[in-house]
Amino acid sequence: MNEYQLHCLAESGNAYKVALMLELCGLGWSSILVDFPNGEMGTSKYRQDFNQFGEVPVLVHKDLKLSQSGVILNYLSEMTGQFGPTNKREEREILSWILFDNHKFTSYMATRRFALRFMKTGDTEITNFLGDRVKKALEIVEEHMADRDFVATSTLSIADISMCGYLYYGDELEQDLDRYPNINAWIDRIAATDGWKHPYDLMPRAYPV
């Protein structure tokens, strides 16, 4: 059995963040599909055995069960010495961008995609509101990336791995990313990193193609 087991589904950008980190670090890991469409994450067994929040990803490593992608990325960085800060200033900068991602970037992007792509709601007042929030967050990142290669430090860090989590799903986002050249150059740099793979090449799908 591999040292790390990731409970996940390929459609989850949050799970992808962890899967990508595991892959980029060259760690031995295996994916365990969580049956999200049939409500597995909401069952009392899943909450008791794996994650009290009823979410993915969950990383199992030895006697640890870790949830929340930001926490897992930080743990893996500490374990491997890769993609983390080299000083306290970088540590604060990385944390700032991961918190921004979880609160204003990934959160709105993921919720809107789920409604449009999987719940098939069509455009609603809520998805339009989320779309506006996503645009504002994208504009912040686009401006930030105008004169730098990576988000928080001079090299790839867990801040980048966190923030790029949903940006490789393309048309599924129902968001025009072509208007953000700095963001596109940034995610191209990440994709050029040795070991990079697309989410659908790293994890099993929960929804039929």
N, C-alpha and C. Protein backbone atom coordinates (compact mmCIF):
# COMPACT_ATOMS: atom_id res chain seq x y z
N MET A 1 0.85 -1.19 0.00
CA MET A 1 0.00 0.00 0.00
C MET A 1 0.89 1.24 0.00
N ASN A 2 0.48 2.25 -0.76
CA ASN A 2 1.23 3.50 -0.80
C ASN A 2 1.17 4.21 0.55
N GLU A 3 2.17 5.02 0.80
CA GLU A 3 2.27 5.70 2.10
C GLU A 3 1.14 6.69 2.32
N TYR A 4 0.68 7.31 1.24
CA TYR A 4 -0.37 8.32 1.33
C TYR A 4 -1.61 7.84 0.57
N GLN A 5 -2.79 8.01 1.16
CA GLN A 5 -4.05 7.72 0.49
C GLN A 5 -4.89 8.99 0.47
N LEU A 6 -5.33 9.35 -0.71
CA LEU A 6 -6.12 10.56 -0.88
C LEU A 6 -7.56 10.20 -1.22
N HIS A 7 -8.48 10.54 -0.34
CA HIS A 7 -9.91 10.36 -0.60
C HIS A 7 -10.37 11.58 -1.39
N CYS A 8 -10.87 11.34 -2.59
CA CYS A 8 -11.02 12.44 -3.53
C CYS A 8 -11.99 12.10 -4.65
N LEU A 9 -12.19 13.04 -5.54
CA LEU A 9 -12.82 12.81 -6.83
C LEU A 9 -12.22 13.83 -7.79
N ALA A 10 -12.09 13.45 -9.04
CA ALA A 10 -11.37 14.28 -10.00
C ALA A 10 -12.05 15.61 -10.27
N GLU A 11 -13.34 15.67 -10.04
CA GLU A 11 -14.08 16.90 -10.29
C GLU A 11 -13.83 17.96 -9.23
N SER A 12 -13.22 17.60 -8.14
CA SER A 12 -12.97 18.54 -7.05
C SER A 12 -11.64 19.25 -7.22
N GLY A 13 -11.69 20.55 -7.43
CA GLY A 13 -10.46 21.32 -7.53
C GLY A 13 -9.70 21.36 -6.22
N ASN A 14 -10.42 21.27 -5.11
CA ASN A 14 -9.74 21.25 -3.82
C ASN A 14 -8.96 19.95 -3.63
N ALA A 15 -9.54 18.85 -4.08
CA ALA A 15 -8.81 17.58 -4.04
C ALA A 15 -7.62 17.62 -5.01
N TYR A 16 -7.82 18.28 -6.15
CA TYR A 16 -6.73 18.38 -7.13
C TYR A 16 -5.51 19.08 -6.55
N LYS A 17 -5.73 20.10 -5.72
CA LYS A 17 -4.60 20.80 -5.11
C LYS A 17 -3.69 19.80 -4.38
N VAL A 18 -4.30 18.91 -3.63
CA VAL A 18 -3.52 17.94 -2.85
C VAL A 18 -2.91 16.89 -3.77
N ALA A 19 -3.70 16.39 -4.72
CA ALA A 19 -3.17 15.40 -5.66
C ALA A 19 -1.98 15.95 -6.42
N LEU A 20 -2.08 17.21 -6.85
CA LEU A 20 -0.97 17.82 -7.59
C LEU A 20 0.26 17.95 -6.70
N MET A 21 0.06 18.36 -5.46
CA MET A 21 1.18 18.47 -4.52
C MET A 21 1.86 17.12 -4.32
N LEU A 22 1.07 16.08 -4.11
CA LEU A 22 1.63 14.75 -3.94
C LEU A 22 2.45 14.34 -5.16
N GLU A 23 1.94 14.65 -6.34
CA GLU A 23 2.61 14.27 -7.57
C GLU A 23 3.89 15.08 -7.77
N LEU A 24 3.80 16.39 -7.55
CA LEU A 24 4.98 17.23 -7.74
C LEU A 24 6.09 16.90 -6.75
N CYS A 25 5.70 16.43 -5.57
CA CYS A 25 6.70 16.05 -4.55
C CYS A 25 7.26 14.65 -4.79
N GLY A 26 6.69 13.93 -5.74
CA GLY A 26 7.18 12.60 -6.06
C GLY A 26 6.89 11.58 -4.97
N LEU A 27 5.77 11.76 -4.27
CA LEU A 27 5.42 10.86 -3.17
C LEU A 27 4.61 9.66 -3.68
N GLY A 28 4.71 8.56 -2.96
CA GLY A 28 3.91 7.39 -3.28
C GLY A 28 2.51 7.55 -2.71
N TRP A 29 1.52 7.64 -3.58
CA TRP A 29 0.16 7.88 -3.11
C TRP A 29 -0.85 7.16 -4.00
N SER A 30 -2.01 6.93 -3.45
CA SER A 30 -3.10 6.33 -4.20
C SER A 30 -4.37 7.11 -3.95
N SER A 31 -5.25 7.09 -4.94
CA SER A 31 -6.52 7.81 -4.83
C SER A 31 -7.64 6.84 -4.48
N ILE A 32 -8.54 7.29 -3.62
CA ILE A 32 -9.72 6.51 -3.25
C ILE A 32 -10.93 7.35 -3.60
N LEU A 33 -11.72 6.88 -4.55
CA LEU A 33 -12.86 7.65 -5.03
C LEU A 33 -13.95 7.76 -3.97
N VAL A 34 -14.40 8.98 -3.73
CA VAL A 34 -15.53 9.23 -2.84
C VAL A 34 -16.76 9.44 -3.72
N ASP A 35 -17.82 8.71 -3.43
CA ASP A 35 -19.02 8.74 -4.26
C ASP A 35 -19.88 9.95 -3.91
N PHE A 36 -19.42 11.10 -4.34
CA PHE A 36 -20.12 12.35 -4.05
C PHE A 36 -21.52 12.39 -4.64
N PRO A 37 -21.73 11.97 -5.92
CA PRO A 37 -23.07 12.09 -6.49
C PRO A 37 -24.15 11.33 -5.70
N ASN A 38 -23.77 10.26 -5.04
CA ASN A 38 -24.74 9.48 -4.26
C ASN A 38 -24.67 9.78 -2.76
N GLY A 39 -24.03 10.87 -2.42
CA GLY A 39 -24.11 11.37 -1.06
C GLY A 39 -23.19 10.74 -0.04
N GLU A 40 -22.12 10.08 -0.48
CA GLU A 40 -21.25 9.40 0.49
C GLU A 40 -20.68 10.37 1.53
N MET A 41 -20.32 11.57 1.11
CA MET A 41 -19.68 12.51 2.03
C MET A 41 -20.62 12.98 3.14
N GLY A 42 -21.92 12.87 2.88
CA GLY A 42 -22.88 13.31 3.88
C GLY A 42 -23.30 12.24 4.87
N THR A 43 -22.80 11.03 4.69
CA THR A 43 -23.20 9.95 5.58
C THR A 43 -22.50 10.07 6.93
N SER A 44 -23.16 9.54 7.96
CA SER A 44 -22.56 9.58 9.30
C SER A 44 -21.27 8.77 9.34
N LYS A 45 -21.21 7.69 8.56
CA LYS A 45 -19.99 6.85 8.54
C LYS A 45 -18.81 7.66 8.00
N TYR A 46 -19.02 8.36 6.90
CA TYR A 46 -17.92 9.15 6.31
C TYR A 46 -17.48 10.24 7.28
N ARG A 47 -18.45 10.90 7.90
CA ARG A 47 -18.11 11.99 8.84
C ARG A 47 -17.37 11.45 10.06
N GLN A 48 -17.76 10.30 10.53
CA GLN A 48 -17.12 9.73 11.71
C GLN A 48 -15.76 9.12 11.37
N ASP A 49 -15.67 8.47 10.22
CA ASP A 49 -14.45 7.75 9.88
C ASP A 49 -13.38 8.63 9.24
N PHE A 50 -13.82 9.67 8.49
CA PHE A 50 -12.85 10.41 7.70
C PHE A 50 -12.85 11.92 7.94
N ASN A 51 -14.01 12.54 7.90
CA ASN A 51 -14.01 14.00 7.91
C ASN A 51 -15.30 14.52 8.51
N GLN A 52 -15.21 15.15 9.66
CA GLN A 52 -16.41 15.65 10.32
C GLN A 52 -17.13 16.72 9.51
N PHE A 53 -16.42 17.35 8.57
CA PHE A 53 -17.03 18.39 7.75
C PHE A 53 -17.82 17.82 6.57
N GLY A 54 -17.62 16.54 6.29
CA GLY A 54 -18.30 15.93 5.14
C GLY A 54 -17.78 16.46 3.82
N GLU A 55 -16.46 16.54 3.68
CA GLU A 55 -15.86 17.13 2.49
C GLU A 55 -14.71 16.26 1.97
N VAL A 56 -14.27 16.58 0.78
CA VAL A 56 -12.98 16.13 0.27
C VAL A 56 -12.15 17.39 0.04
N PRO A 57 -10.84 17.24 0.05
CA PRO A 57 -10.05 16.02 0.19
C PRO A 57 -9.84 15.61 1.64
N VAL A 58 -9.52 14.32 1.80
CA VAL A 58 -9.02 13.80 3.06
C VAL A 58 -7.74 13.03 2.73
N LEU A 59 -6.66 13.38 3.40
CA LEU A 59 -5.40 12.68 3.20
C LEU A 59 -5.13 11.81 4.42
N VAL A 60 -4.91 10.52 4.16
CA VAL A 60 -4.54 9.59 5.23
C VAL A 60 -3.05 9.30 5.10
N HIS A 61 -2.33 9.57 6.18
CA HIS A 61 -0.90 9.30 6.21
C HIS A 61 -0.56 8.71 7.58
N LYS A 62 -0.21 7.44 7.56
CA LYS A 62 0.08 6.71 8.80
C LYS A 62 -1.13 6.79 9.71
N ASP A 63 -1.01 7.39 10.88
CA ASP A 63 -2.15 7.44 11.80
C ASP A 63 -2.89 8.77 11.72
N LEU A 64 -2.55 9.59 10.72
CA LEU A 64 -3.19 10.89 10.58
C LEU A 64 -4.27 10.88 9.50
N LYS A 65 -5.35 11.60 9.75
CA LYS A 65 -6.37 11.88 8.74
C LYS A 65 -6.53 13.39 8.70
N LEU A 66 -6.12 13.97 7.58
CA LEU A 66 -6.09 15.42 7.46
C LEU A 66 -7.12 15.90 6.46
N SER A 67 -7.82 16.98 6.80
CA SER A 67 -8.78 17.60 5.88
C SER A 67 -8.43 19.07 5.73
N GLN A 68 -9.11 19.72 4.80
CA GLN A 68 -8.88 21.10 4.39
C GLN A 68 -7.59 21.19 3.57
N SER A 69 -7.75 21.56 2.30
CA SER A 69 -6.62 21.51 1.38
C SER A 69 -5.45 22.37 1.84
N GLY A 70 -5.72 23.54 2.40
CA GLY A 70 -4.62 24.39 2.85
C GLY A 70 -3.80 23.75 3.95
N VAL A 71 -4.48 23.09 4.87
CA VAL A 71 -3.79 22.39 5.95
C VAL A 71 -2.95 21.25 5.39
N ILE A 72 -3.52 20.52 4.45
CA ILE A 72 -2.80 19.37 3.87
C ILE A 72 -1.58 19.84 3.08
N LEU A 73 -1.74 20.90 2.30
CA LEU A 73 -0.60 21.42 1.56
C LEU A 73 0.52 21.85 2.50
N ASN A 74 0.16 22.50 3.58
CA ASN A 74 1.17 22.92 4.55
C ASN A 74 1.86 21.71 5.19
N TYR A 75 1.08 20.69 5.50
CA TYR A 75 1.64 19.47 6.10
C TYR A 75 2.62 18.80 5.14
N LEU A 76 2.22 18.66 3.89
CA LEU A 76 3.10 18.00 2.92
C LEU A 76 4.37 18.82 2.67
N SER A 77 4.23 20.14 2.69
CA SER A 77 5.40 20.98 2.52
C SER A 77 6.37 20.79 3.69
N GLU A 78 5.82 20.73 4.89
CA GLU A 78 6.68 20.51 6.06
C GLU A 78 7.33 19.13 6.02
N MET A 79 6.57 18.12 5.58
CA MET A 79 7.09 16.76 5.54
C MET A 79 8.21 16.59 4.52
N THR A 80 8.06 17.27 3.39
CA THR A 80 9.00 17.05 2.27
C THR A 80 10.05 18.15 2.14
N GLY A 81 9.80 19.30 2.74
CA GLY A 81 10.70 20.43 2.55
C GLY A 81 10.56 21.07 1.18
N GLN A 82 9.46 20.81 0.50
CA GLN A 82 9.26 21.34 -0.85
C GLN A 82 8.10 22.34 -0.88
N PHE A 83 8.27 23.36 -1.73
CA PHE A 83 7.22 24.33 -2.06
C PHE A 83 6.73 25.14 -0.86
N GLY A 84 7.58 25.25 0.14
CA GLY A 84 7.22 26.03 1.32
C GLY A 84 8.04 27.30 1.43
N PRO A 85 7.88 28.02 2.52
CA PRO A 85 8.61 29.26 2.73
C PRO A 85 10.05 29.01 3.16
N THR A 86 10.89 30.00 2.92
CA THR A 86 12.27 29.93 3.38
C THR A 86 12.51 30.85 4.58
N ASN A 87 11.51 31.67 4.89
CA ASN A 87 11.63 32.55 6.05
C ASN A 87 10.22 32.94 6.50
N LYS A 88 10.14 33.68 7.59
CA LYS A 88 8.85 34.05 8.15
C LYS A 88 8.05 34.98 7.24
N ARG A 89 8.75 35.86 6.55
CA ARG A 89 8.05 36.76 5.63
C ARG A 89 7.35 35.97 4.54
N GLU A 90 8.07 35.01 3.95
CA GLU A 90 7.46 34.17 2.92
C GLU A 90 6.33 33.32 3.50
N GLU A 91 6.50 32.87 4.73
CA GLU A 91 5.45 32.08 5.36
C GLU A 91 4.16 32.89 5.48
N ARG A 92 4.26 34.14 5.88
CA ARG A 92 3.08 35.00 6.00
C ARG A 92 2.48 35.29 4.63
N GLU A 93 3.32 35.51 3.64
CA GLU A 93 2.83 35.80 2.30
C GLU A 93 2.09 34.60 1.72
N ILE A 94 2.64 33.42 1.89
CA ILE A 94 1.99 32.20 1.41
C ILE A 94 0.65 32.02 2.10
N LEU A 95 0.62 32.19 3.41
CA LEU A 95 -0.63 32.03 4.16
C LEU A 95 -1.67 33.05 3.72
N SER A 96 -1.25 34.28 3.46
CA SER A 96 -2.19 35.31 3.02
C SER A 96 -2.90 34.91 1.73
N TRP A 97 -2.14 34.38 0.79
CA TRP A 97 -2.73 34.02 -0.50
C TRP A 97 -3.56 32.74 -0.41
N ILE A 98 -3.19 31.81 0.44
CA ILE A 98 -4.02 30.61 0.63
C ILE A 98 -5.35 30.99 1.26
N LEU A 99 -5.33 31.91 2.22
CA LEU A 99 -6.57 32.36 2.84
C LEU A 99 -7.42 33.13 1.83
N PHE A 100 -6.80 33.97 1.04
CA PHE A 100 -7.52 34.67 -0.03
C PHE A 100 -8.16 33.68 -0.98
N ASP A 101 -7.38 32.67 -1.37
CA ASP A 101 -7.89 31.63 -2.27
C ASP A 101 -9.12 30.94 -1.68
N ASN A 102 -9.00 30.48 -0.45
CA ASN A 102 -10.09 29.73 0.17
C ASN A 102 -11.33 30.58 0.40
N HIS A 103 -11.14 31.87 0.63
CA HIS A 103 -12.27 32.73 0.96
C HIS A 103 -12.89 33.40 -0.27
N LYS A 104 -12.07 33.88 -1.21
CA LYS A 104 -12.59 34.71 -2.28
C LYS A 104 -12.31 34.22 -3.69
N PHE A 105 -11.47 33.22 -3.84
CA PHE A 105 -11.07 32.78 -5.18
C PHE A 105 -11.67 31.41 -5.47
N THR A 106 -11.10 30.40 -4.88
CA THR A 106 -11.61 29.04 -5.06
C THR A 106 -13.06 28.91 -4.62
N SER A 107 -13.40 29.51 -3.50
CA SER A 107 -14.74 29.29 -2.93
C SER A 107 -15.84 29.73 -3.89
N TYR A 108 -15.73 30.93 -4.43
CA TYR A 108 -16.75 31.42 -5.36
C TYR A 108 -16.71 30.66 -6.68
N MET A 109 -15.51 30.40 -7.18
CA MET A 109 -15.35 29.70 -8.45
C MET A 109 -15.93 28.29 -8.38
N ALA A 110 -15.64 27.60 -7.29
CA ALA A 110 -16.10 26.22 -7.13
C ALA A 110 -17.62 26.16 -6.98
N THR A 111 -18.18 27.06 -6.18
CA THR A 111 -19.62 27.05 -5.95
C THR A 111 -20.38 27.35 -7.23
N ARG A 112 -19.91 28.32 -7.98
CA ARG A 112 -20.57 28.68 -9.24
C ARG A 112 -20.46 27.53 -10.25
N ARG A 113 -19.30 26.95 -10.37
CA ARG A 113 -19.13 25.82 -11.30
C ARG A 113 -20.04 24.66 -10.93
N PHE A 114 -20.15 24.35 -9.64
CA PHE A 114 -20.99 23.24 -9.22
C PHE A 114 -22.45 23.49 -9.59
N ALA A 115 -22.92 24.71 -9.37
CA ALA A 115 -24.31 25.03 -9.70
C ALA A 115 -24.57 24.92 -11.19
N LEU A 116 -23.67 25.48 -12.00
CA LEU A 116 -23.90 25.51 -13.44
C LEU A 116 -23.62 24.16 -14.10
N ARG A 117 -22.54 23.52 -13.67
CA ARG A 117 -22.08 22.31 -14.37
C ARG A 117 -22.79 21.04 -13.89
N PHE A 118 -22.98 20.93 -12.58
CA PHE A 118 -23.48 19.67 -12.03
C PHE A 118 -24.94 19.75 -11.57
N MET A 119 -25.35 20.90 -11.05
CA MET A 119 -26.76 21.04 -10.69
C MET A 119 -27.61 21.52 -11.85
N LYS A 120 -26.96 22.01 -12.91
CA LYS A 120 -27.65 22.45 -14.13
C LYS A 120 -28.68 23.54 -13.83
N THR A 121 -28.31 24.50 -13.00
CA THR A 121 -29.26 25.55 -12.62
C THR A 121 -29.49 26.57 -13.72
N GLY A 122 -28.54 26.68 -14.65
CA GLY A 122 -28.57 27.81 -15.56
C GLY A 122 -28.22 29.08 -14.80
N ASP A 123 -28.20 30.20 -15.52
CA ASP A 123 -27.88 31.46 -14.87
C ASP A 123 -29.00 31.85 -13.92
N THR A 124 -28.62 32.16 -12.71
CA THR A 124 -29.57 32.60 -11.69
C THR A 124 -29.01 33.84 -11.01
N GLU A 125 -29.79 34.44 -10.15
CA GLU A 125 -29.31 35.60 -9.40
C GLU A 125 -28.06 35.23 -8.59
N ILE A 126 -28.07 34.02 -8.05
CA ILE A 126 -26.94 33.58 -7.23
C ILE A 126 -25.69 33.34 -8.08
N THR A 127 -25.84 32.63 -9.21
CA THR A 127 -24.66 32.37 -10.04
C THR A 127 -24.11 33.66 -10.64
N ASN A 128 -24.99 34.59 -10.94
CA ASN A 128 -24.51 35.89 -11.45
C ASN A 128 -23.74 36.65 -10.38
N PHE A 129 -24.24 36.60 -9.15
CA PHE A 129 -23.53 37.23 -8.04
C PHE A 129 -22.16 36.59 -7.87
N LEU A 130 -22.11 35.26 -7.88
CA LEU A 130 -20.84 34.56 -7.74
C LEU A 130 -19.91 34.89 -8.90
N GLY A 131 -20.47 35.01 -10.10
CA GLY A 131 -19.66 35.36 -11.26
C GLY A 131 -19.00 36.71 -11.11
N ASP A 132 -19.72 37.67 -10.57
CA ASP A 132 -19.15 38.99 -10.33
C ASP A 132 -18.02 38.92 -9.31
N ARG A 133 -18.22 38.12 -8.28
CA ARG A 133 -17.18 37.97 -7.25
C ARG A 133 -15.93 37.30 -7.83
N VAL A 134 -16.15 36.30 -8.69
CA VAL A 134 -15.02 35.62 -9.32
C VAL A 134 -14.23 36.60 -10.18
N LYS A 135 -14.94 37.42 -10.95
CA LYS A 135 -14.27 38.40 -11.81
C LYS A 135 -13.40 39.35 -11.00
N LYS A 136 -13.92 39.82 -9.88
CA LYS A 136 -13.16 40.73 -9.04
C LYS A 136 -11.90 40.05 -8.49
N ALA A 137 -12.06 38.79 -8.09
CA ALA A 137 -10.91 38.05 -7.57
C ALA A 137 -9.88 37.80 -8.67
N LEU A 138 -10.35 37.47 -9.87
CA LEU A 138 -9.45 37.26 -10.99
C LEU A 138 -8.69 38.55 -11.33
N GLU A 139 -9.38 39.66 -11.25
CA GLU A 139 -8.73 40.95 -11.53
C GLU A 139 -7.62 41.24 -10.53
N ILE A 140 -7.85 40.89 -9.27
CA ILE A 140 -6.82 41.08 -8.25
C ILE A 140 -5.58 40.24 -8.57
N VAL A 141 -5.80 38.99 -8.93
CA VAL A 141 -4.68 38.09 -9.24
C VAL A 141 -3.99 38.53 -10.53
N GLU A 142 -4.78 38.92 -11.53
CA GLU A 142 -4.20 39.38 -12.80
C GLU A 142 -3.27 40.56 -12.57
N GLU A 143 -3.69 41.52 -11.78
CA GLU A 143 -2.85 42.68 -11.49
C GLU A 143 -1.60 42.27 -10.70
N HIS A 144 -1.79 41.38 -9.74
CA HIS A 144 -0.67 40.93 -8.91
C HIS A 144 0.39 40.23 -9.73
N MET A 145 -0.03 39.48 -10.75
CA MET A 145 0.90 38.66 -11.53
C MET A 145 1.54 39.42 -12.68
N ALA A 146 1.33 40.71 -12.75
CA ALA A 146 1.84 41.49 -13.88
C ALA A 146 3.36 41.50 -13.96
N ASP A 147 4.04 41.44 -12.82
CA ASP A 147 5.49 41.57 -12.82
C ASP A 147 6.17 40.48 -12.01
N ARG A 148 5.54 39.30 -11.95
CA ARG A 148 6.12 38.21 -11.17
C ARG A 148 5.76 36.88 -11.82
N ASP A 149 6.51 35.83 -11.47
CA ASP A 149 6.26 34.51 -12.04
C ASP A 149 5.34 33.66 -11.18
N PHE A 150 5.43 33.85 -9.85
CA PHE A 150 4.62 33.04 -8.95
C PHE A 150 3.98 33.94 -7.89
N VAL A 151 2.98 33.43 -7.23
CA VAL A 151 2.10 34.27 -6.43
C VAL A 151 2.78 34.86 -5.20
N ALA A 152 3.41 34.04 -4.41
CA ALA A 152 3.87 34.48 -3.09
C ALA A 152 5.37 34.57 -2.93
N THR A 153 6.11 33.77 -3.68
CA THR A 153 7.56 33.73 -3.58
C THR A 153 8.15 33.72 -4.99
N SER A 154 9.45 33.73 -5.08
CA SER A 154 10.10 33.78 -6.40
C SER A 154 10.02 32.46 -7.15
N THR A 155 9.70 31.39 -6.43
CA THR A 155 9.54 30.07 -7.05
C THR A 155 8.17 29.50 -6.69
N LEU A 156 7.84 28.39 -7.33
CA LEU A 156 6.55 27.75 -7.09
C LEU A 156 6.39 27.40 -5.62
N SER A 157 5.22 27.73 -5.04
CA SER A 157 4.96 27.43 -3.64
C SER A 157 3.55 26.85 -3.50
N ILE A 158 3.24 26.45 -2.27
CA ILE A 158 1.90 25.90 -2.02
C ILE A 158 0.82 26.96 -2.21
N ALA A 159 1.18 28.23 -2.22
CA ALA A 159 0.18 29.26 -2.55
C ALA A 159 -0.27 29.11 -3.99
N ASP A 160 0.67 28.90 -4.90
CA ASP A 160 0.33 28.68 -6.31
C ASP A 160 -0.48 27.40 -6.48
N ILE A 161 -0.05 26.34 -5.81
CA ILE A 161 -0.73 25.05 -5.94
C ILE A 161 -2.16 25.14 -5.42
N SER A 162 -2.37 25.92 -4.39
CA SER A 162 -3.72 26.13 -3.88
C SER A 162 -4.56 26.93 -4.87
N MET A 163 -4.02 28.04 -5.34
CA MET A 163 -4.82 28.96 -6.14
C MET A 163 -5.11 28.46 -7.55
N CYS A 164 -4.27 27.57 -8.06
CA CYS A 164 -4.51 27.08 -9.43
C CYS A 164 -5.50 25.93 -9.48
N GLY A 165 -5.99 25.51 -8.32
CA GLY A 165 -6.75 24.27 -8.24
C GLY A 165 -7.92 24.12 -9.18
N TYR A 166 -8.62 25.22 -9.48
CA TYR A 166 -9.78 25.13 -10.37
C TYR A 166 -9.51 25.67 -11.77
N LEU A 167 -8.35 26.24 -11.99
CA LEU A 167 -8.11 26.95 -13.25
C LEU A 167 -7.81 26.05 -14.43
N TYR A 168 -7.63 24.76 -14.19
CA TYR A 168 -7.36 23.84 -15.30
C TYR A 168 -8.62 23.10 -15.78
N TYR A 169 -9.77 23.49 -15.27
CA TYR A 169 -11.01 22.83 -15.70
C TYR A 169 -11.63 23.47 -16.93
N GLY A 170 -11.01 24.51 -17.44
CA GLY A 170 -11.40 25.09 -18.73
C GLY A 170 -12.84 25.53 -18.81
N ASP A 171 -13.53 25.04 -19.84
CA ASP A 171 -14.91 25.47 -20.11
C ASP A 171 -15.87 25.12 -18.98
N GLU A 172 -15.50 24.17 -18.13
CA GLU A 172 -16.37 23.80 -17.02
C GLU A 172 -16.60 24.98 -16.06
N LEU A 173 -15.70 25.93 -16.07
CA LEU A 173 -15.82 27.06 -15.16
C LEU A 173 -16.88 28.06 -15.63
N GLU A 174 -17.26 27.96 -16.92
CA GLU A 174 -18.20 28.95 -17.47
C GLU A 174 -17.69 30.36 -17.20
N GLN A 175 -16.39 30.54 -17.38
CA GLN A 175 -15.75 31.81 -17.09
C GLN A 175 -14.74 32.10 -18.19
N ASP A 176 -14.76 33.30 -18.71
CA ASP A 176 -13.82 33.67 -19.77
C ASP A 176 -12.46 34.00 -19.16
N LEU A 177 -11.54 33.06 -19.25
CA LEU A 177 -10.20 33.27 -18.71
C LEU A 177 -9.24 33.87 -19.73
N ASP A 178 -9.67 33.96 -20.99
CA ASP A 178 -8.78 34.48 -22.04
C ASP A 178 -8.42 35.94 -21.82
N ARG A 179 -9.24 36.64 -21.07
CA ARG A 179 -9.02 38.07 -20.86
C ARG A 179 -7.98 38.35 -19.78
N TYR A 180 -7.37 37.28 -19.24
CA TYR A 180 -6.40 37.43 -18.15
C TYR A 180 -5.06 36.84 -18.57
N PRO A 181 -4.29 37.56 -19.39
CA PRO A 181 -3.03 36.99 -19.92
C PRO A 181 -2.01 36.68 -18.84
N ASN A 182 -1.95 37.46 -17.79
CA ASN A 182 -0.98 37.19 -16.73
C ASN A 182 -1.31 35.91 -15.99
N ILE A 183 -2.59 35.68 -15.76
CA ILE A 183 -3.02 34.44 -15.12
C ILE A 183 -2.74 33.25 -16.01
N ASN A 184 -2.99 33.39 -17.30
CA ASN A 184 -2.74 32.28 -18.22
C ASN A 184 -1.25 31.96 -18.31
N ALA A 185 -0.41 32.99 -18.31
CA ALA A 185 1.03 32.74 -18.33
C ALA A 185 1.47 32.04 -17.05
N TRP A 186 0.87 32.42 -15.94
CA TRP A 186 1.18 31.81 -14.64
C TRP A 186 0.81 30.34 -14.61
N ILE A 187 -0.42 30.00 -15.02
CA ILE A 187 -0.81 28.59 -14.95
C ILE A 187 -0.06 27.76 -16.00
N ASP A 188 0.38 28.40 -17.07
CA ASP A 188 1.24 27.69 -18.02
C ASP A 188 2.59 27.37 -17.38
N ARG A 189 3.11 28.28 -16.58
CA ARG A 189 4.38 28.02 -15.89
C ARG A 189 4.22 26.86 -14.91
N ILE A 190 3.11 26.84 -14.21
CA ILE A 190 2.88 25.73 -13.28
C ILE A 190 2.78 24.41 -14.06
N ALA A 191 2.06 24.43 -15.18
CA ALA A 191 1.88 23.21 -15.98
C ALA A 191 3.18 22.73 -16.60
N ALA A 192 4.16 23.61 -16.69
CA ALA A 192 5.46 23.22 -17.24
C ALA A 192 6.37 22.59 -16.18
N THR A 193 5.92 22.55 -14.94
CA THR A 193 6.71 21.96 -13.86
C THR A 193 6.77 20.44 -14.01
N ASP A 194 7.93 19.86 -13.79
CA ASP A 194 8.07 18.41 -13.87
C ASP A 194 7.10 17.73 -12.91
N GLY A 195 6.33 16.79 -13.43
CA GLY A 195 5.38 16.06 -12.62
C GLY A 195 3.96 16.57 -12.70
N TRP A 196 3.77 17.74 -13.32
CA TRP A 196 2.41 18.30 -13.41
C TRP A 196 1.49 17.38 -14.23
N LYS A 197 0.27 17.23 -13.77
CA LYS A 197 -0.76 16.50 -14.52
C LYS A 197 -2.10 17.20 -14.34
N HIS A 198 -2.94 17.02 -15.31
CA HIS A 198 -4.31 17.55 -15.27
C HIS A 198 -5.11 16.78 -14.23
N PRO A 199 -6.11 17.43 -13.60
CA PRO A 199 -6.88 16.72 -12.57
C PRO A 199 -7.51 15.42 -13.04
N TYR A 200 -7.97 15.38 -14.30
CA TYR A 200 -8.61 14.16 -14.78
C TYR A 200 -7.60 13.05 -15.10
N ASP A 201 -6.32 13.40 -15.07
CA ASP A 201 -5.28 12.39 -15.24
C ASP A 201 -4.70 11.93 -13.90
N LEU A 202 -5.11 12.56 -12.81
CA LEU A 202 -4.58 12.23 -11.49
C LEU A 202 -5.55 11.46 -10.62
N MET A 203 -6.85 11.70 -10.81
CA MET A 203 -7.86 11.15 -9.88
C MET A 203 -9.02 10.55 -10.67
N PRO A 204 -9.75 9.62 -10.04
CA PRO A 204 -10.91 9.03 -10.72
C PRO A 204 -12.11 9.98 -10.71
N ARG A 205 -12.89 9.90 -11.77
CA ARG A 205 -14.09 10.73 -11.88
C ARG A 205 -15.26 10.12 -11.09
N ALA A 206 -16.05 11.00 -10.52
CA ALA A 206 -17.27 10.56 -9.85
C ALA A 206 -18.49 10.69 -10.75
N TYR A 207 -18.38 11.56 -11.75
CA TYR A 207 -19.48 11.79 -12.69
C TYR A 207 -19.11 11.19 -14.04
N PRO A 208 -20.07 10.64 -14.76
CA PRO A 208 -19.78 10.08 -16.08
C PRO A 208 -19.37 11.18 -17.06
N VAL A 209 -18.51 10.83 -17.99
CA VAL A 209 -18.06 11.80 -18.99
C VAL A 209 -19.18 12.06 -19.99
